[in-house]
C-alpha atoms as a PDB file:
ATOM      1  CA  MET A   1      -0.236  14.991 -19.438  1.00  0.00           C
ATOM      2  CA  ALA A   2      -1.476  11.516 -20.441  1.00  0.00           C
ATOM      3  CA  LEU A   3      -5.104  12.230 -19.526  1.00  0.00           C
ATOM      4  CA  GLU A   4      -5.250  15.038 -22.122  1.00  0.00           C
ATOM      5  CA  ARG A   5      -5.660  12.295 -24.754  1.00  0.00           C
ATOM      6  CA  VAL A   6      -8.842  11.234 -22.982  1.00  0.00           C
ATOM      7  CA  ALA A   7     -10.165  14.794 -22.851  1.00  0.00           C
ATOM      8  CA  GLN A   8      -9.468  15.177 -26.563  1.00  0.00           C
ATOM      9  CA  ASP A   9     -10.501  11.806 -28.021  1.00  0.00           C
ATOM     10  CA  GLY A  10     -12.848  10.431 -25.363  1.00  0.00           C
ATOM     11  CA  LEU A  11     -13.069   7.404 -23.116  1.00  0.00           C
ATOM     12  CA  VAL A  12     -15.632   4.591 -23.116  1.00  0.00           C
ATOM     13  CA  LEU A  13     -16.317   2.971 -19.723  1.00  0.00           C
ATOM     14  CA  LEU A  14     -18.043  -0.388 -20.030  1.00  0.00           C
ATOM     15  CA  GLY A  15     -19.625  -1.046 -16.637  1.00  0.00           C
ATOM     16  CA  CYS A  16     -19.933   1.430 -13.782  1.00  0.00           C
ATOM     17  CA  GLY A  17     -20.353  -0.564 -10.583  1.00  0.00           C
ATOM     18  CA  LYS A  18     -18.304   0.115  -7.455  1.00  0.00           C
ATOM     19  CA  MET A  19     -14.895  -0.004  -9.118  1.00  0.00           C
ATOM     20  CA  GLY A  20     -16.044   1.809 -12.267  1.00  0.00           C
ATOM     21  CA  THR A  21     -17.598   4.522 -10.091  1.00  0.00           C
ATOM     22  CA  ALA A  22     -14.387   4.871  -8.069  1.00  0.00           C
ATOM     23  CA  LEU A  23     -12.352   5.254 -11.259  1.00  0.00           C
ATOM     24  CA  LEU A  24     -14.778   7.687 -12.866  1.00  0.00           C
ATOM     25  CA  THR A  25     -14.826   9.817  -9.708  1.00  0.00           C
ATOM     26  CA  GLY A  26     -11.029   9.885  -9.790  1.00  0.00           C
ATOM     27  CA  TRP A  27     -10.874  10.877 -13.473  1.00  0.00           C
ATOM     28  CA  LEU A  28     -13.430  13.659 -13.127  1.00  0.00           C
ATOM     29  CA  GLY A  29     -11.543  14.909 -10.073  1.00  0.00           C
ATOM     30  CA  ALA A  30      -8.309  14.869 -12.095  1.00  0.00           C
ATOM     31  CA  GLY A  31      -9.861  17.173 -14.681  1.00  0.00           C
ATOM     32  CA  VAL A  32     -11.218  14.827 -17.353  1.00  0.00           C
ATOM     33  CA  PRO A  33     -14.325  16.600 -18.739  1.00  0.00           C
ATOM     34  CA  ALA A  34     -17.566  14.677 -18.155  1.00  0.00           C
ATOM     35  CA  GLY A  35     -18.417  15.321 -21.815  1.00  0.00           C
ATOM     36  CA  SER A  36     -15.376  13.268 -22.868  1.00  0.00           C
ATOM     37  CA  VAL A  37     -16.669  10.117 -21.140  1.00  0.00           C
ATOM     38  CA  TRP A  38     -19.179   7.625 -22.572  1.00  0.00           C
ATOM     39  CA  VAL A  39     -20.527   5.099 -20.037  1.00  0.00           C
ATOM     40  CA  ILE A  40     -22.356   1.884 -20.927  1.00  0.00           C
ATOM     41  CA  GLU A  41     -24.163   0.687 -17.784  1.00  0.00           C
ATOM     42  CA  PRO A  42     -27.565  -1.065 -17.699  1.00  0.00           C
ATOM     43  CA  ASN A  43     -28.253  -0.149 -14.045  1.00  0.00           C
ATOM     44  CA  PRO A  44     -26.949   3.414 -13.594  1.00  0.00           C
ATOM     45  CA  SER A  45     -26.864   4.978 -10.135  1.00  0.00           C
ATOM     46  CA  ASP A  46     -28.413   8.368  -9.434  1.00  0.00           C
ATOM     47  CA  TRP A  47     -24.872   9.732  -9.075  1.00  0.00           C
ATOM     48  CA  LEU A  48     -23.966   8.465 -12.542  1.00  0.00           C
ATOM     49  CA  ARG A  49     -27.122   9.941 -14.085  1.00  0.00           C
ATOM     50  CA  ALA A  50     -26.230  13.324 -12.583  1.00  0.00           C
ATOM     51  CA  SER A  51     -22.509  13.199 -13.439  1.00  0.00           C
ATOM     52  CA  GLY A  52     -22.814  14.785 -16.882  1.00  0.00           C
ATOM     53  CA  VAL A  53     -21.220  11.899 -18.802  1.00  0.00           C
ATOM     54  CA  HIS A  54     -22.765  10.397 -21.952  1.00  0.00           C
ATOM     55  CA  LEU A  55     -24.842   7.542 -20.532  1.00  0.00           C
ATOM     56  CA  ASN A  56     -25.863   4.570 -22.716  1.00  0.00           C
ATOM     57  CA  ASP A  57     -25.418   6.821 -25.741  1.00  0.00           C
ATOM     58  CA  GLY A  58     -23.153   4.732 -27.977  1.00  0.00           C
ATOM     59  CA  ALA A  59     -19.462   5.585 -28.305  1.00  0.00           C
ATOM     60  CA  PRO A  60     -17.215   7.864 -30.372  1.00  0.00           C
ATOM     61  CA  ALA A  61     -15.732   6.399 -33.555  1.00  0.00           C
ATOM     62  CA  ALA A  62     -12.168   6.211 -32.251  1.00  0.00           C
ATOM     63  CA  PRO A  63     -11.905   6.926 -28.508  1.00  0.00           C
ATOM     64  CA  ALA A  64      -8.498   7.072 -26.836  1.00  0.00           C
ATOM     65  CA  VAL A  65      -9.459   4.341 -24.369  1.00  0.00           C
ATOM     66  CA  ALA A  66     -12.101   1.709 -23.774  1.00  0.00           C
ATOM     67  CA  LEU A  67     -12.002   0.593 -20.142  1.00  0.00           C
ATOM     68  CA  LEU A  68     -13.661  -2.737 -19.384  1.00  0.00           C
ATOM     69  CA  ALA A  69     -15.094  -2.750 -15.870  1.00  0.00           C
ATOM     70  CA  VAL A  70     -17.879  -5.341 -16.105  1.00  0.00           C
ATOM     71  CA  LYS A  71     -17.777  -8.554 -14.101  1.00  0.00           C
ATOM     72  CA  PRO A  72     -15.893 -11.378 -15.858  1.00  0.00           C
ATOM     73  CA  GLN A  73     -19.069 -13.434 -16.332  1.00  0.00           C
ATOM     74  CA  MET A  74     -20.682 -10.506 -18.205  1.00  0.00           C
ATOM     75  CA  MET A  75     -17.649  -9.853 -20.387  1.00  0.00           C
ATOM     76  CA  GLY A  76     -18.708 -12.151 -23.230  1.00  0.00           C
ATOM     77  CA  ALA A  77     -22.039 -10.366 -23.640  1.00  0.00           C
ATOM     78  CA  ALA A  78     -20.483  -6.911 -23.369  1.00  0.00           C
ATOM     79  CA  LEU A  79     -17.576  -7.187 -25.803  1.00  0.00           C
ATOM     80  CA  PRO A  80     -19.525  -7.264 -29.088  1.00  0.00           C
ATOM     81  CA  ALA A  81     -20.582  -3.649 -28.482  1.00  0.00           C
ATOM     82  CA  LEU A  82     -16.906  -2.657 -28.592  1.00  0.00           C
ATOM     83  CA  ARG A  83     -15.671  -5.010 -31.298  1.00  0.00           C
ATOM     84  CA  ALA A  84     -15.753  -2.223 -33.902  1.00  0.00           C
ATOM     85  CA  LEU A  85     -12.980  -0.461 -31.956  1.00  0.00           C
ATOM     86  CA  GLY A  86     -10.614  -3.447 -32.098  1.00  0.00           C
ATOM     87  CA  ASN A  87      -7.452  -3.561 -34.242  1.00  0.00           C
ATOM     88  CA  GLY A  88      -7.333   0.242 -34.212  1.00  0.00           C
ATOM     89  CA  THR A  89      -5.861   3.091 -32.204  1.00  0.00           C
ATOM     90  CA  THR A  90      -8.177   2.643 -29.213  1.00  0.00           C
ATOM     91  CA  LEU A  91      -6.372   1.332 -26.132  1.00  0.00           C
ATOM     92  CA  PHE A  92      -8.338  -1.334 -24.253  1.00  0.00           C
ATOM     93  CA  VAL A  93      -7.785  -1.464 -20.487  1.00  0.00           C
ATOM     94  CA  SER A  94      -9.351  -4.312 -18.507  1.00  0.00           C
ATOM     95  CA  ILE A  95      -9.940  -4.464 -14.758  1.00  0.00           C
ATOM     96  CA  ALA A  96     -11.830  -7.788 -15.040  1.00  0.00           C
ATOM     97  CA  ALA A  97     -10.281 -10.566 -12.981  1.00  0.00           C
ATOM     98  CA  GLY A  98      -9.622 -13.857 -14.741  1.00  0.00           C
ATOM     99  CA  THR A  99     -10.023 -12.691 -18.359  1.00  0.00           C
ATOM    100  CA  THR A 100      -6.717 -13.082 -20.206  1.00  0.00           C
ATOM    101  CA  ILE A 101      -5.162 -10.815 -22.804  1.00  0.00           C
ATOM    102  CA  ALA A 102      -5.472 -13.715 -25.274  1.00  0.00           C
ATOM    103  CA  ALA A 103      -9.238 -13.850 -24.652  1.00  0.00           C
ATOM    104  CA  PHE A 104      -9.519 -10.136 -25.426  1.00  0.00           C
ATOM    105  CA  GLU A 105      -7.399 -10.522 -28.558  1.00  0.00           C
ATOM    106  CA  ALA A 106      -9.689 -13.320 -29.707  1.00  0.00           C
ATOM    107  CA  ALA A 107     -12.774 -11.154 -29.155  1.00  0.00           C
ATOM    108  CA  LEU A 108     -11.457  -7.809 -30.385  1.00  0.00           C
ATOM    109  CA  GLY A 109      -8.749  -8.668 -32.910  1.00  0.00           C
ATOM    110  CA  ASP A 110      -5.152  -9.744 -32.454  1.00  0.00           C
ATOM    111  CA  ARG A 111      -3.723  -6.311 -33.323  1.00  0.00           C
ATOM    112  CA  THR A 112      -5.674  -4.558 -30.544  1.00  0.00           C
ATOM    113  CA  PRO A 113      -3.556  -2.775 -27.898  1.00  0.00           C
ATOM    114  CA  ILE A 114      -4.616  -4.284 -24.550  1.00  0.00           C
ATOM    115  CA  VAL A 115      -3.536  -3.538 -20.981  1.00  0.00           C
ATOM    116  CA  ARG A 116      -4.731  -5.946 -18.311  1.00  0.00           C
ATOM    117  CA  THR A 117      -4.868  -4.656 -14.752  1.00  0.00           C
ATOM    118  CA  MET A 118      -5.578  -5.979 -11.284  1.00  0.00           C
ATOM    119  CA  PRO A 119      -6.839  -3.227  -8.952  1.00  0.00           C
ATOM    120  CA  ASN A 120      -8.225  -3.788  -5.458  1.00  0.00           C
ATOM    121  CA  THR A 121     -11.180  -2.503  -3.472  1.00  0.00           C
ATOM    122  CA  PRO A 122      -9.336   0.173  -1.429  1.00  0.00           C
ATOM    123  CA  ALA A 123      -9.531   2.070  -4.738  1.00  0.00           C
ATOM    124  CA  MET A 124     -12.969   3.085  -3.437  1.00  0.00           C
ATOM    125  CA  VAL A 125     -11.216   5.302  -0.879  1.00  0.00           C
ATOM    126  CA  ASN A 126      -8.357   6.342  -3.194  1.00  0.00           C
ATOM    127  CA  ARG A 127      -5.964   3.936  -1.479  1.00  0.00           C
ATOM    128  CA  GLY A 128      -5.899   1.134  -4.025  1.00  0.00           C
ATOM    129  CA  ILE A 129      -2.943  -0.454  -5.725  1.00  0.00           C
ATOM    130  CA  THR A 130      -3.193  -1.609  -9.334  1.00  0.00           C
ATOM    131  CA  ALA A 131      -0.769  -3.876 -11.181  1.00  0.00           C
ATOM    132  CA  LEU A 132      -0.618  -3.523 -14.986  1.00  0.00           C
ATOM    133  CA  CYS A 133       0.670  -5.671 -17.856  1.00  0.00           C
ATOM    134  CA  ARG A 134       0.334  -5.271 -21.627  1.00  0.00           C
ATOM    135  CA  ASN A 135       0.451  -6.991 -24.987  1.00  0.00           C
ATOM    136  CA  ALA A 136       2.951  -6.220 -27.745  1.00  0.00           C
ATOM    137  CA  HIS A 137       0.709  -3.613 -29.438  1.00  0.00           C
ATOM    138  CA  VAL A 138       0.720  -1.213 -26.451  1.00  0.00           C
ATOM    139  CA  THR A 139       3.105   1.722 -26.954  1.00  0.00           C
ATOM    140  CA  GLU A 140       4.956   3.547 -24.169  1.00  0.00           C
ATOM    141  CA  ALA A 141       2.473   6.422 -24.551  1.00  0.00           C
ATOM    142  CA  ASP A 142      -0.430   3.956 -24.258  1.00  0.00           C
ATOM    143  CA  MET A 143       1.084   2.443 -21.120  1.00  0.00           C
ATOM    144  CA  ALA A 144       1.614   5.882 -19.586  1.00  0.00           C
ATOM    145  CA  LEU A 145      -2.065   6.605 -20.234  1.00  0.00           C
ATOM    146  CA  ALA A 146      -3.176   3.323 -18.634  1.00  0.00           C
ATOM    147  CA  VAL A 147      -1.014   4.040 -15.581  1.00  0.00           C
ATOM    148  CA  ALA A 148      -2.438   7.575 -15.324  1.00  0.00           C
ATOM    149  CA  LEU A 149      -6.004   6.234 -15.453  1.00  0.00           C
ATOM    150  CA  MET A 150      -5.392   3.729 -12.651  1.00  0.00           C
ATOM    151  CA  ALA A 151      -3.310   6.199 -10.589  1.00  0.00           C
ATOM    152  CA  ALA A 152      -6.547   8.173 -10.123  1.00  0.00           C
ATOM    153  CA  VAL A 153      -7.481   5.696  -7.346  1.00  0.00           C
ATOM    154  CA  GLY A 154      -4.136   4.868  -5.745  1.00  0.00           C
ATOM    155  CA  GLU A 155      -0.695   3.423  -6.415  1.00  0.00           C
ATOM    156  CA  THR A 156       0.378   1.526  -9.549  1.00  0.00           C
ATOM    157  CA  VAL A 157       3.009  -1.092 -10.348  1.00  0.00           C
ATOM    158  CA  ILE A 158       4.014  -2.404 -13.787  1.00  0.00           C
ATOM    159  CA  LEU A 159       4.551  -6.164 -14.050  1.00  0.00           C
ATOM    160  CA  ASP A 160       7.180  -8.040 -16.052  1.00  0.00           C
ATOM    161  CA  GLY A 161       4.338  -9.846 -17.816  1.00  0.00           C
ATOM    162  CA  GLU A 162       0.881 -11.377 -17.568  1.00  0.00           C
ATOM    163  CA  HIS A 163       2.359 -14.522 -15.973  1.00  0.00           C
ATOM    164  CA  GLN A 164       2.610 -12.533 -12.720  1.00  0.00           C
ATOM    165  CA  ILE A 165      -1.047 -11.457 -12.560  1.00  0.00           C
ATOM    166  CA  ASP A 166      -2.262 -14.472 -10.571  1.00  0.00           C
ATOM    167  CA  ALA A 167       0.321 -13.763  -7.870  1.00  0.00           C
ATOM    168  CA  VAL A 168      -0.826 -10.124  -7.771  1.00  0.00           C
ATOM    169  CA  THR A 169      -4.455 -11.252  -7.485  1.00  0.00           C
ATOM    170  CA  ALA A 170      -3.483 -13.477  -4.553  1.00  0.00           C
ATOM    171  CA  VAL A 171      -1.524 -10.785  -2.685  1.00  0.00           C
ATOM    172  CA  SER A 172      -3.266  -7.448  -3.310  1.00  0.00           C
ATOM    173  CA  GLY A 173      -6.458  -8.309  -5.199  1.00  0.00           C
ATOM    174  CA  SER A 174      -7.746 -10.746  -2.581  1.00  0.00           C
ATOM    175  CA  GLY A 175      -5.548  -9.310   0.181  1.00  0.00           C
ATOM    176  CA  PRO A 176      -8.030  -6.819   1.660  1.00  0.00           C
ATOM    177  CA  ALA A 177     -10.174  -9.798   2.717  1.00  0.00           C
ATOM    178  CA  TYR A 178      -7.226 -11.261   4.631  1.00  0.00           C
ATOM    179  CA  VAL A 179      -6.850  -7.993   6.519  1.00  0.00           C
ATOM    180  CA  PHE A 180     -10.572  -7.804   7.278  1.00  0.00           C
ATOM    181  CA  HIS A 181     -10.390 -11.355   8.626  1.00  0.00           C
ATOM    182  CA  LEU A 182      -7.429 -10.317  10.794  1.00  0.00           C
ATOM    183  CA  ILE A 183      -9.665  -7.627  12.293  1.00  0.00           C
ATOM    184  CA  GLU A 184     -12.362 -10.239  12.967  1.00  0.00           C
ATOM    185  CA  ALA A 185      -9.845 -12.590  14.595  1.00  0.00           C
ATOM    186  CA  MET A 186      -8.259  -9.872  16.761  1.00  0.00           C
ATOM    187  CA  ALA A 187     -11.684  -8.726  17.943  1.00  0.00           C
ATOM    188  CA  ALA A 188     -12.747 -12.289  18.788  1.00  0.00           C
ATOM    189  CA  ALA A 189      -9.508 -12.789  20.735  1.00  0.00           C
ATOM    190  CA  GLY A 190     -10.143  -9.553  22.639  1.00  0.00           C
ATOM    191  CA  GLU A 191     -13.611 -10.785  23.566  1.00  0.00           C
ATOM    192  CA  ALA A 192     -12.094 -14.036  24.818  1.00  0.00           C
ATOM    193  CA  GLU A 193      -9.888 -11.957  27.140  1.00  0.00           C
ATOM    194  CA  GLY A 194     -12.923 -10.195  28.631  1.00  0.00           C
ATOM    195  CA  LEU A 195     -13.648  -7.171  26.408  1.00  0.00           C
ATOM    196  CA  SER A 196     -17.162  -6.373  25.202  1.00  0.00           C
ATOM    197  CA  PRO A 197     -17.762  -7.181  21.500  1.00  0.00           C
ATOM    198  CA  ALA A 198     -18.131  -3.500  20.598  1.00  0.00           C
ATOM    199  CA  VAL A 199     -14.941  -2.393  22.350  1.00  0.00           C
ATOM    200  CA  ALA A 200     -12.949  -5.379  21.041  1.00  0.00           C
ATOM    201  CA  MET A 201     -14.035  -4.596  17.470  1.00  0.00           C
ATOM    202  CA  GLN A 202     -13.307  -0.873  17.824  1.00  0.00           C
ATOM    203  CA  LEU A 203      -9.824  -1.643  19.151  1.00  0.00           C
ATOM    204  CA  ALA A 204      -9.099  -4.175  16.391  1.00  0.00           C
ATOM    205  CA  ARG A 205     -10.335  -1.944  13.538  1.00  0.00           C
ATOM    206  CA  ALA A 206      -8.514   1.146  14.760  1.00  0.00           C
ATOM    207  CA  THR A 207      -5.305  -0.812  15.359  1.00  0.00           C
ATOM    208  CA  VAL A 208      -5.221  -2.361  11.885  1.00  0.00           C
ATOM    209  CA  CYS A 209      -6.153   0.933  10.201  1.00  0.00           C
ATOM    210  CA  GLY A 210      -3.612   2.852  12.250  1.00  0.00           C
ATOM    211  CA  ALA A 211      -0.830   0.330  11.648  1.00  0.00           C
ATOM    212  CA  GLY A 212      -1.609   0.444   7.942  1.00  0.00           C
ATOM    213  CA  GLU A 213      -1.374   4.218   7.915  1.00  0.00           C
ATOM    214  CA  LEU A 214       1.903   4.066   9.826  1.00  0.00           C
ATOM    215  CA  ALA A 215       3.291   1.591   7.288  1.00  0.00           C
ATOM    216  CA  HIS A 216       2.043   3.859   4.486  1.00  0.00           C
ATOM    217  CA  ARG A 217       3.757   6.970   5.848  1.00  0.00           C
ATOM    218  CA  SER A 218       6.937   5.532   7.334  1.00  0.00           C
ATOM    219  CA  GLU A 219      10.131   4.961   5.362  1.00  0.00           C
ATOM    220  CA  ASP A 220      11.039   2.057   7.677  1.00  0.00           C
ATOM    221  CA  SER A 221      10.633  -1.520   6.464  1.00  0.00           C
ATOM    222  CA  ALA A 222       7.746  -3.603   7.791  1.00  0.00           C
ATOM    223  CA  ALA A 223      10.294  -5.638   9.776  1.00  0.00           C
ATOM    224  CA  GLN A 224      11.716  -2.477  11.380  1.00  0.00           C
ATOM    225  CA  LEU A 225       8.244  -1.195  12.235  1.00  0.00           C
ATOM    226  CA  ARG A 226       7.549  -4.524  13.951  1.00  0.00           C
ATOM    227  CA  ILE A 227      10.830  -4.328  15.871  1.00  0.00           C
ATOM    228  CA  ASN A 228      10.007  -0.763  16.965  1.00  0.00           C
ATOM    229  CA  VAL A 229       6.883  -2.024  18.782  1.00  0.00           C
ATOM    230  CA  THR A 230       8.552  -5.067  20.333  1.00  0.00           C
ATOM    231  CA  SER A 231      10.306  -4.555  23.680  1.00  0.00           C
ATOM    232  CA  PRO A 232      12.537  -7.532  24.560  1.00  0.00           C
ATOM    233  CA  GLY A 233      10.698  -9.831  26.947  1.00  0.00           C
ATOM    234  CA  GLY A 234       7.531  -7.756  26.787  1.00  0.00           C
ATOM    235  CA  THR A 235       3.912  -8.415  25.859  1.00  0.00           C
ATOM    236  CA  THR A 236       4.389  -7.946  22.100  1.00  0.00           C
ATOM    237  CA  ALA A 237       7.319 -10.351  22.114  1.00  0.00           C
ATOM    238  CA  ALA A 238       5.149 -12.937  23.881  1.00  0.00           C
ATOM    239  CA  ALA A 239       2.480 -12.639  21.212  1.00  0.00           C
ATOM    240  CA  LEU A 240       4.980 -12.721  18.326  1.00  0.00           C
ATOM    241  CA  ALA A 241       6.535 -15.878  19.757  1.00  0.00           C
ATOM    242  CA  VAL A 242       3.184 -17.508  18.990  1.00  0.00           C
ATOM    243  CA  LEU A 243       2.475 -15.757  15.663  1.00  0.00           C
ATOM    244  CA  MET A 244       5.825 -15.724  13.906  1.00  0.00           C
ATOM    245  CA  PRO A 245       6.391 -19.499  13.660  1.00  0.00           C
ATOM    246  CA  GLU A 246       2.851 -19.912  12.239  1.00  0.00           C
ATOM    247  CA  LEU A 247       1.853 -16.866  10.192  1.00  0.00           C
ATOM    248  CA  PRO A 248       4.416 -16.873   7.322  1.00  0.00           C
ATOM    249  CA  GLY A 249       3.683 -20.495   6.392  1.00  0.00           C
ATOM    250  CA  LEU A 250      -0.062 -20.010   6.750  1.00  0.00           C
ATOM    251  CA  MET A 251       0.011 -16.880   4.576  1.00  0.00           C
ATOM    252  CA  ALA A 252       2.175 -18.618   1.960  1.00  0.00           C
ATOM    253  CA  ARG A 253      -0.375 -21.438   1.721  1.00  0.00           C
ATOM    254  CA  ALA A 254      -3.285 -18.991   1.524  1.00  0.00           C
ATOM    255  CA  VAL A 255      -1.665 -16.881  -1.213  1.00  0.00           C
ATOM    256  CA  LYS A 256      -0.704 -20.020  -3.156  1.00  0.00           C
ATOM    257  CA  ALA A 257      -4.304 -21.274  -2.959  1.00  0.00           C
ATOM    258  CA  ALA A 258      -5.575 -17.961  -4.348  1.00  0.00           C
ATOM    259  CA  ALA A 259      -2.939 -17.889  -7.114  1.00  0.00           C
ATOM    260  CA  ASP A 260      -3.667 -21.511  -8.083  1.00  0.00           C
ATOM    261  CA  ARG A 261      -7.390 -20.732  -8.243  1.00  0.00           C
ATOM    262  CA  GLY A 262      -6.659 -17.700 -10.404  1.00  0.00           C
ATOM    263  CA  ARG A 263      -4.712 -19.883 -12.841  1.00  0.00           C
ATOM    264  CA  GLU A 264      -7.615 -22.342 -12.990  1.00  0.00           C
ATOM    265  CA  LEU A 265     -10.148 -19.579 -13.667  1.00  0.00           C
ATOM    266  CA  GLY A 266      -7.953 -18.123 -16.402  1.00  0.00           C
ATOM    267  CA  LYS A 267      -7.984 -21.319 -18.430  1.00  0.00           C
END
């Protein structure tokens, strides 16, 4: 199993905020020994202090993995601590949005194996999806390890290349916010039709969560699931007659705006 390399050679986690905590919880739950993990985190939570990992206690000489989970704006200050591990056998895995593989190669050395990932916040409830891409120095075994690490918090998908990461950011990285806004909009519309704010919000949240779970469990396509709910000439059909001419174009523009912004930030 890929995670055995971590148990044997160690893992360095740089940054342990919400996403780092979600990942670490997943790894410990998957059987990675706490003693095989070194965490560098200036503001550790009580949970982290009690987790049994090495906390702010340096790093092993040649860990299997260094996972970079600090915010992009803190990356420049954090990388020098790990520079000694560059151009070696340590696999670097980044979950920092907007920081390119080329930027890591410049900071760590151009022979460093680097996997760049884009996870999303449902990782905090083990329902994330993470897209991964790599540079030329990442072996198949390295990639399998990176996938195993990110699979601890949800699904994974391997990209054709880094050129696709901005599209991933726009669809799944930023996507939870679109869904939360859908809940807000549905609740507001329910209020406008005479429901109390609390009931409208409860209905909207439960409906979106339930539909998501149905989509997760069903083998039917999203289109088929939609058709299953839509009786000809019924209430759902009336609503979709309003939504369907508008929503695809609106979503395409929103996703394009996010992807374009991602490309700007990556420069």
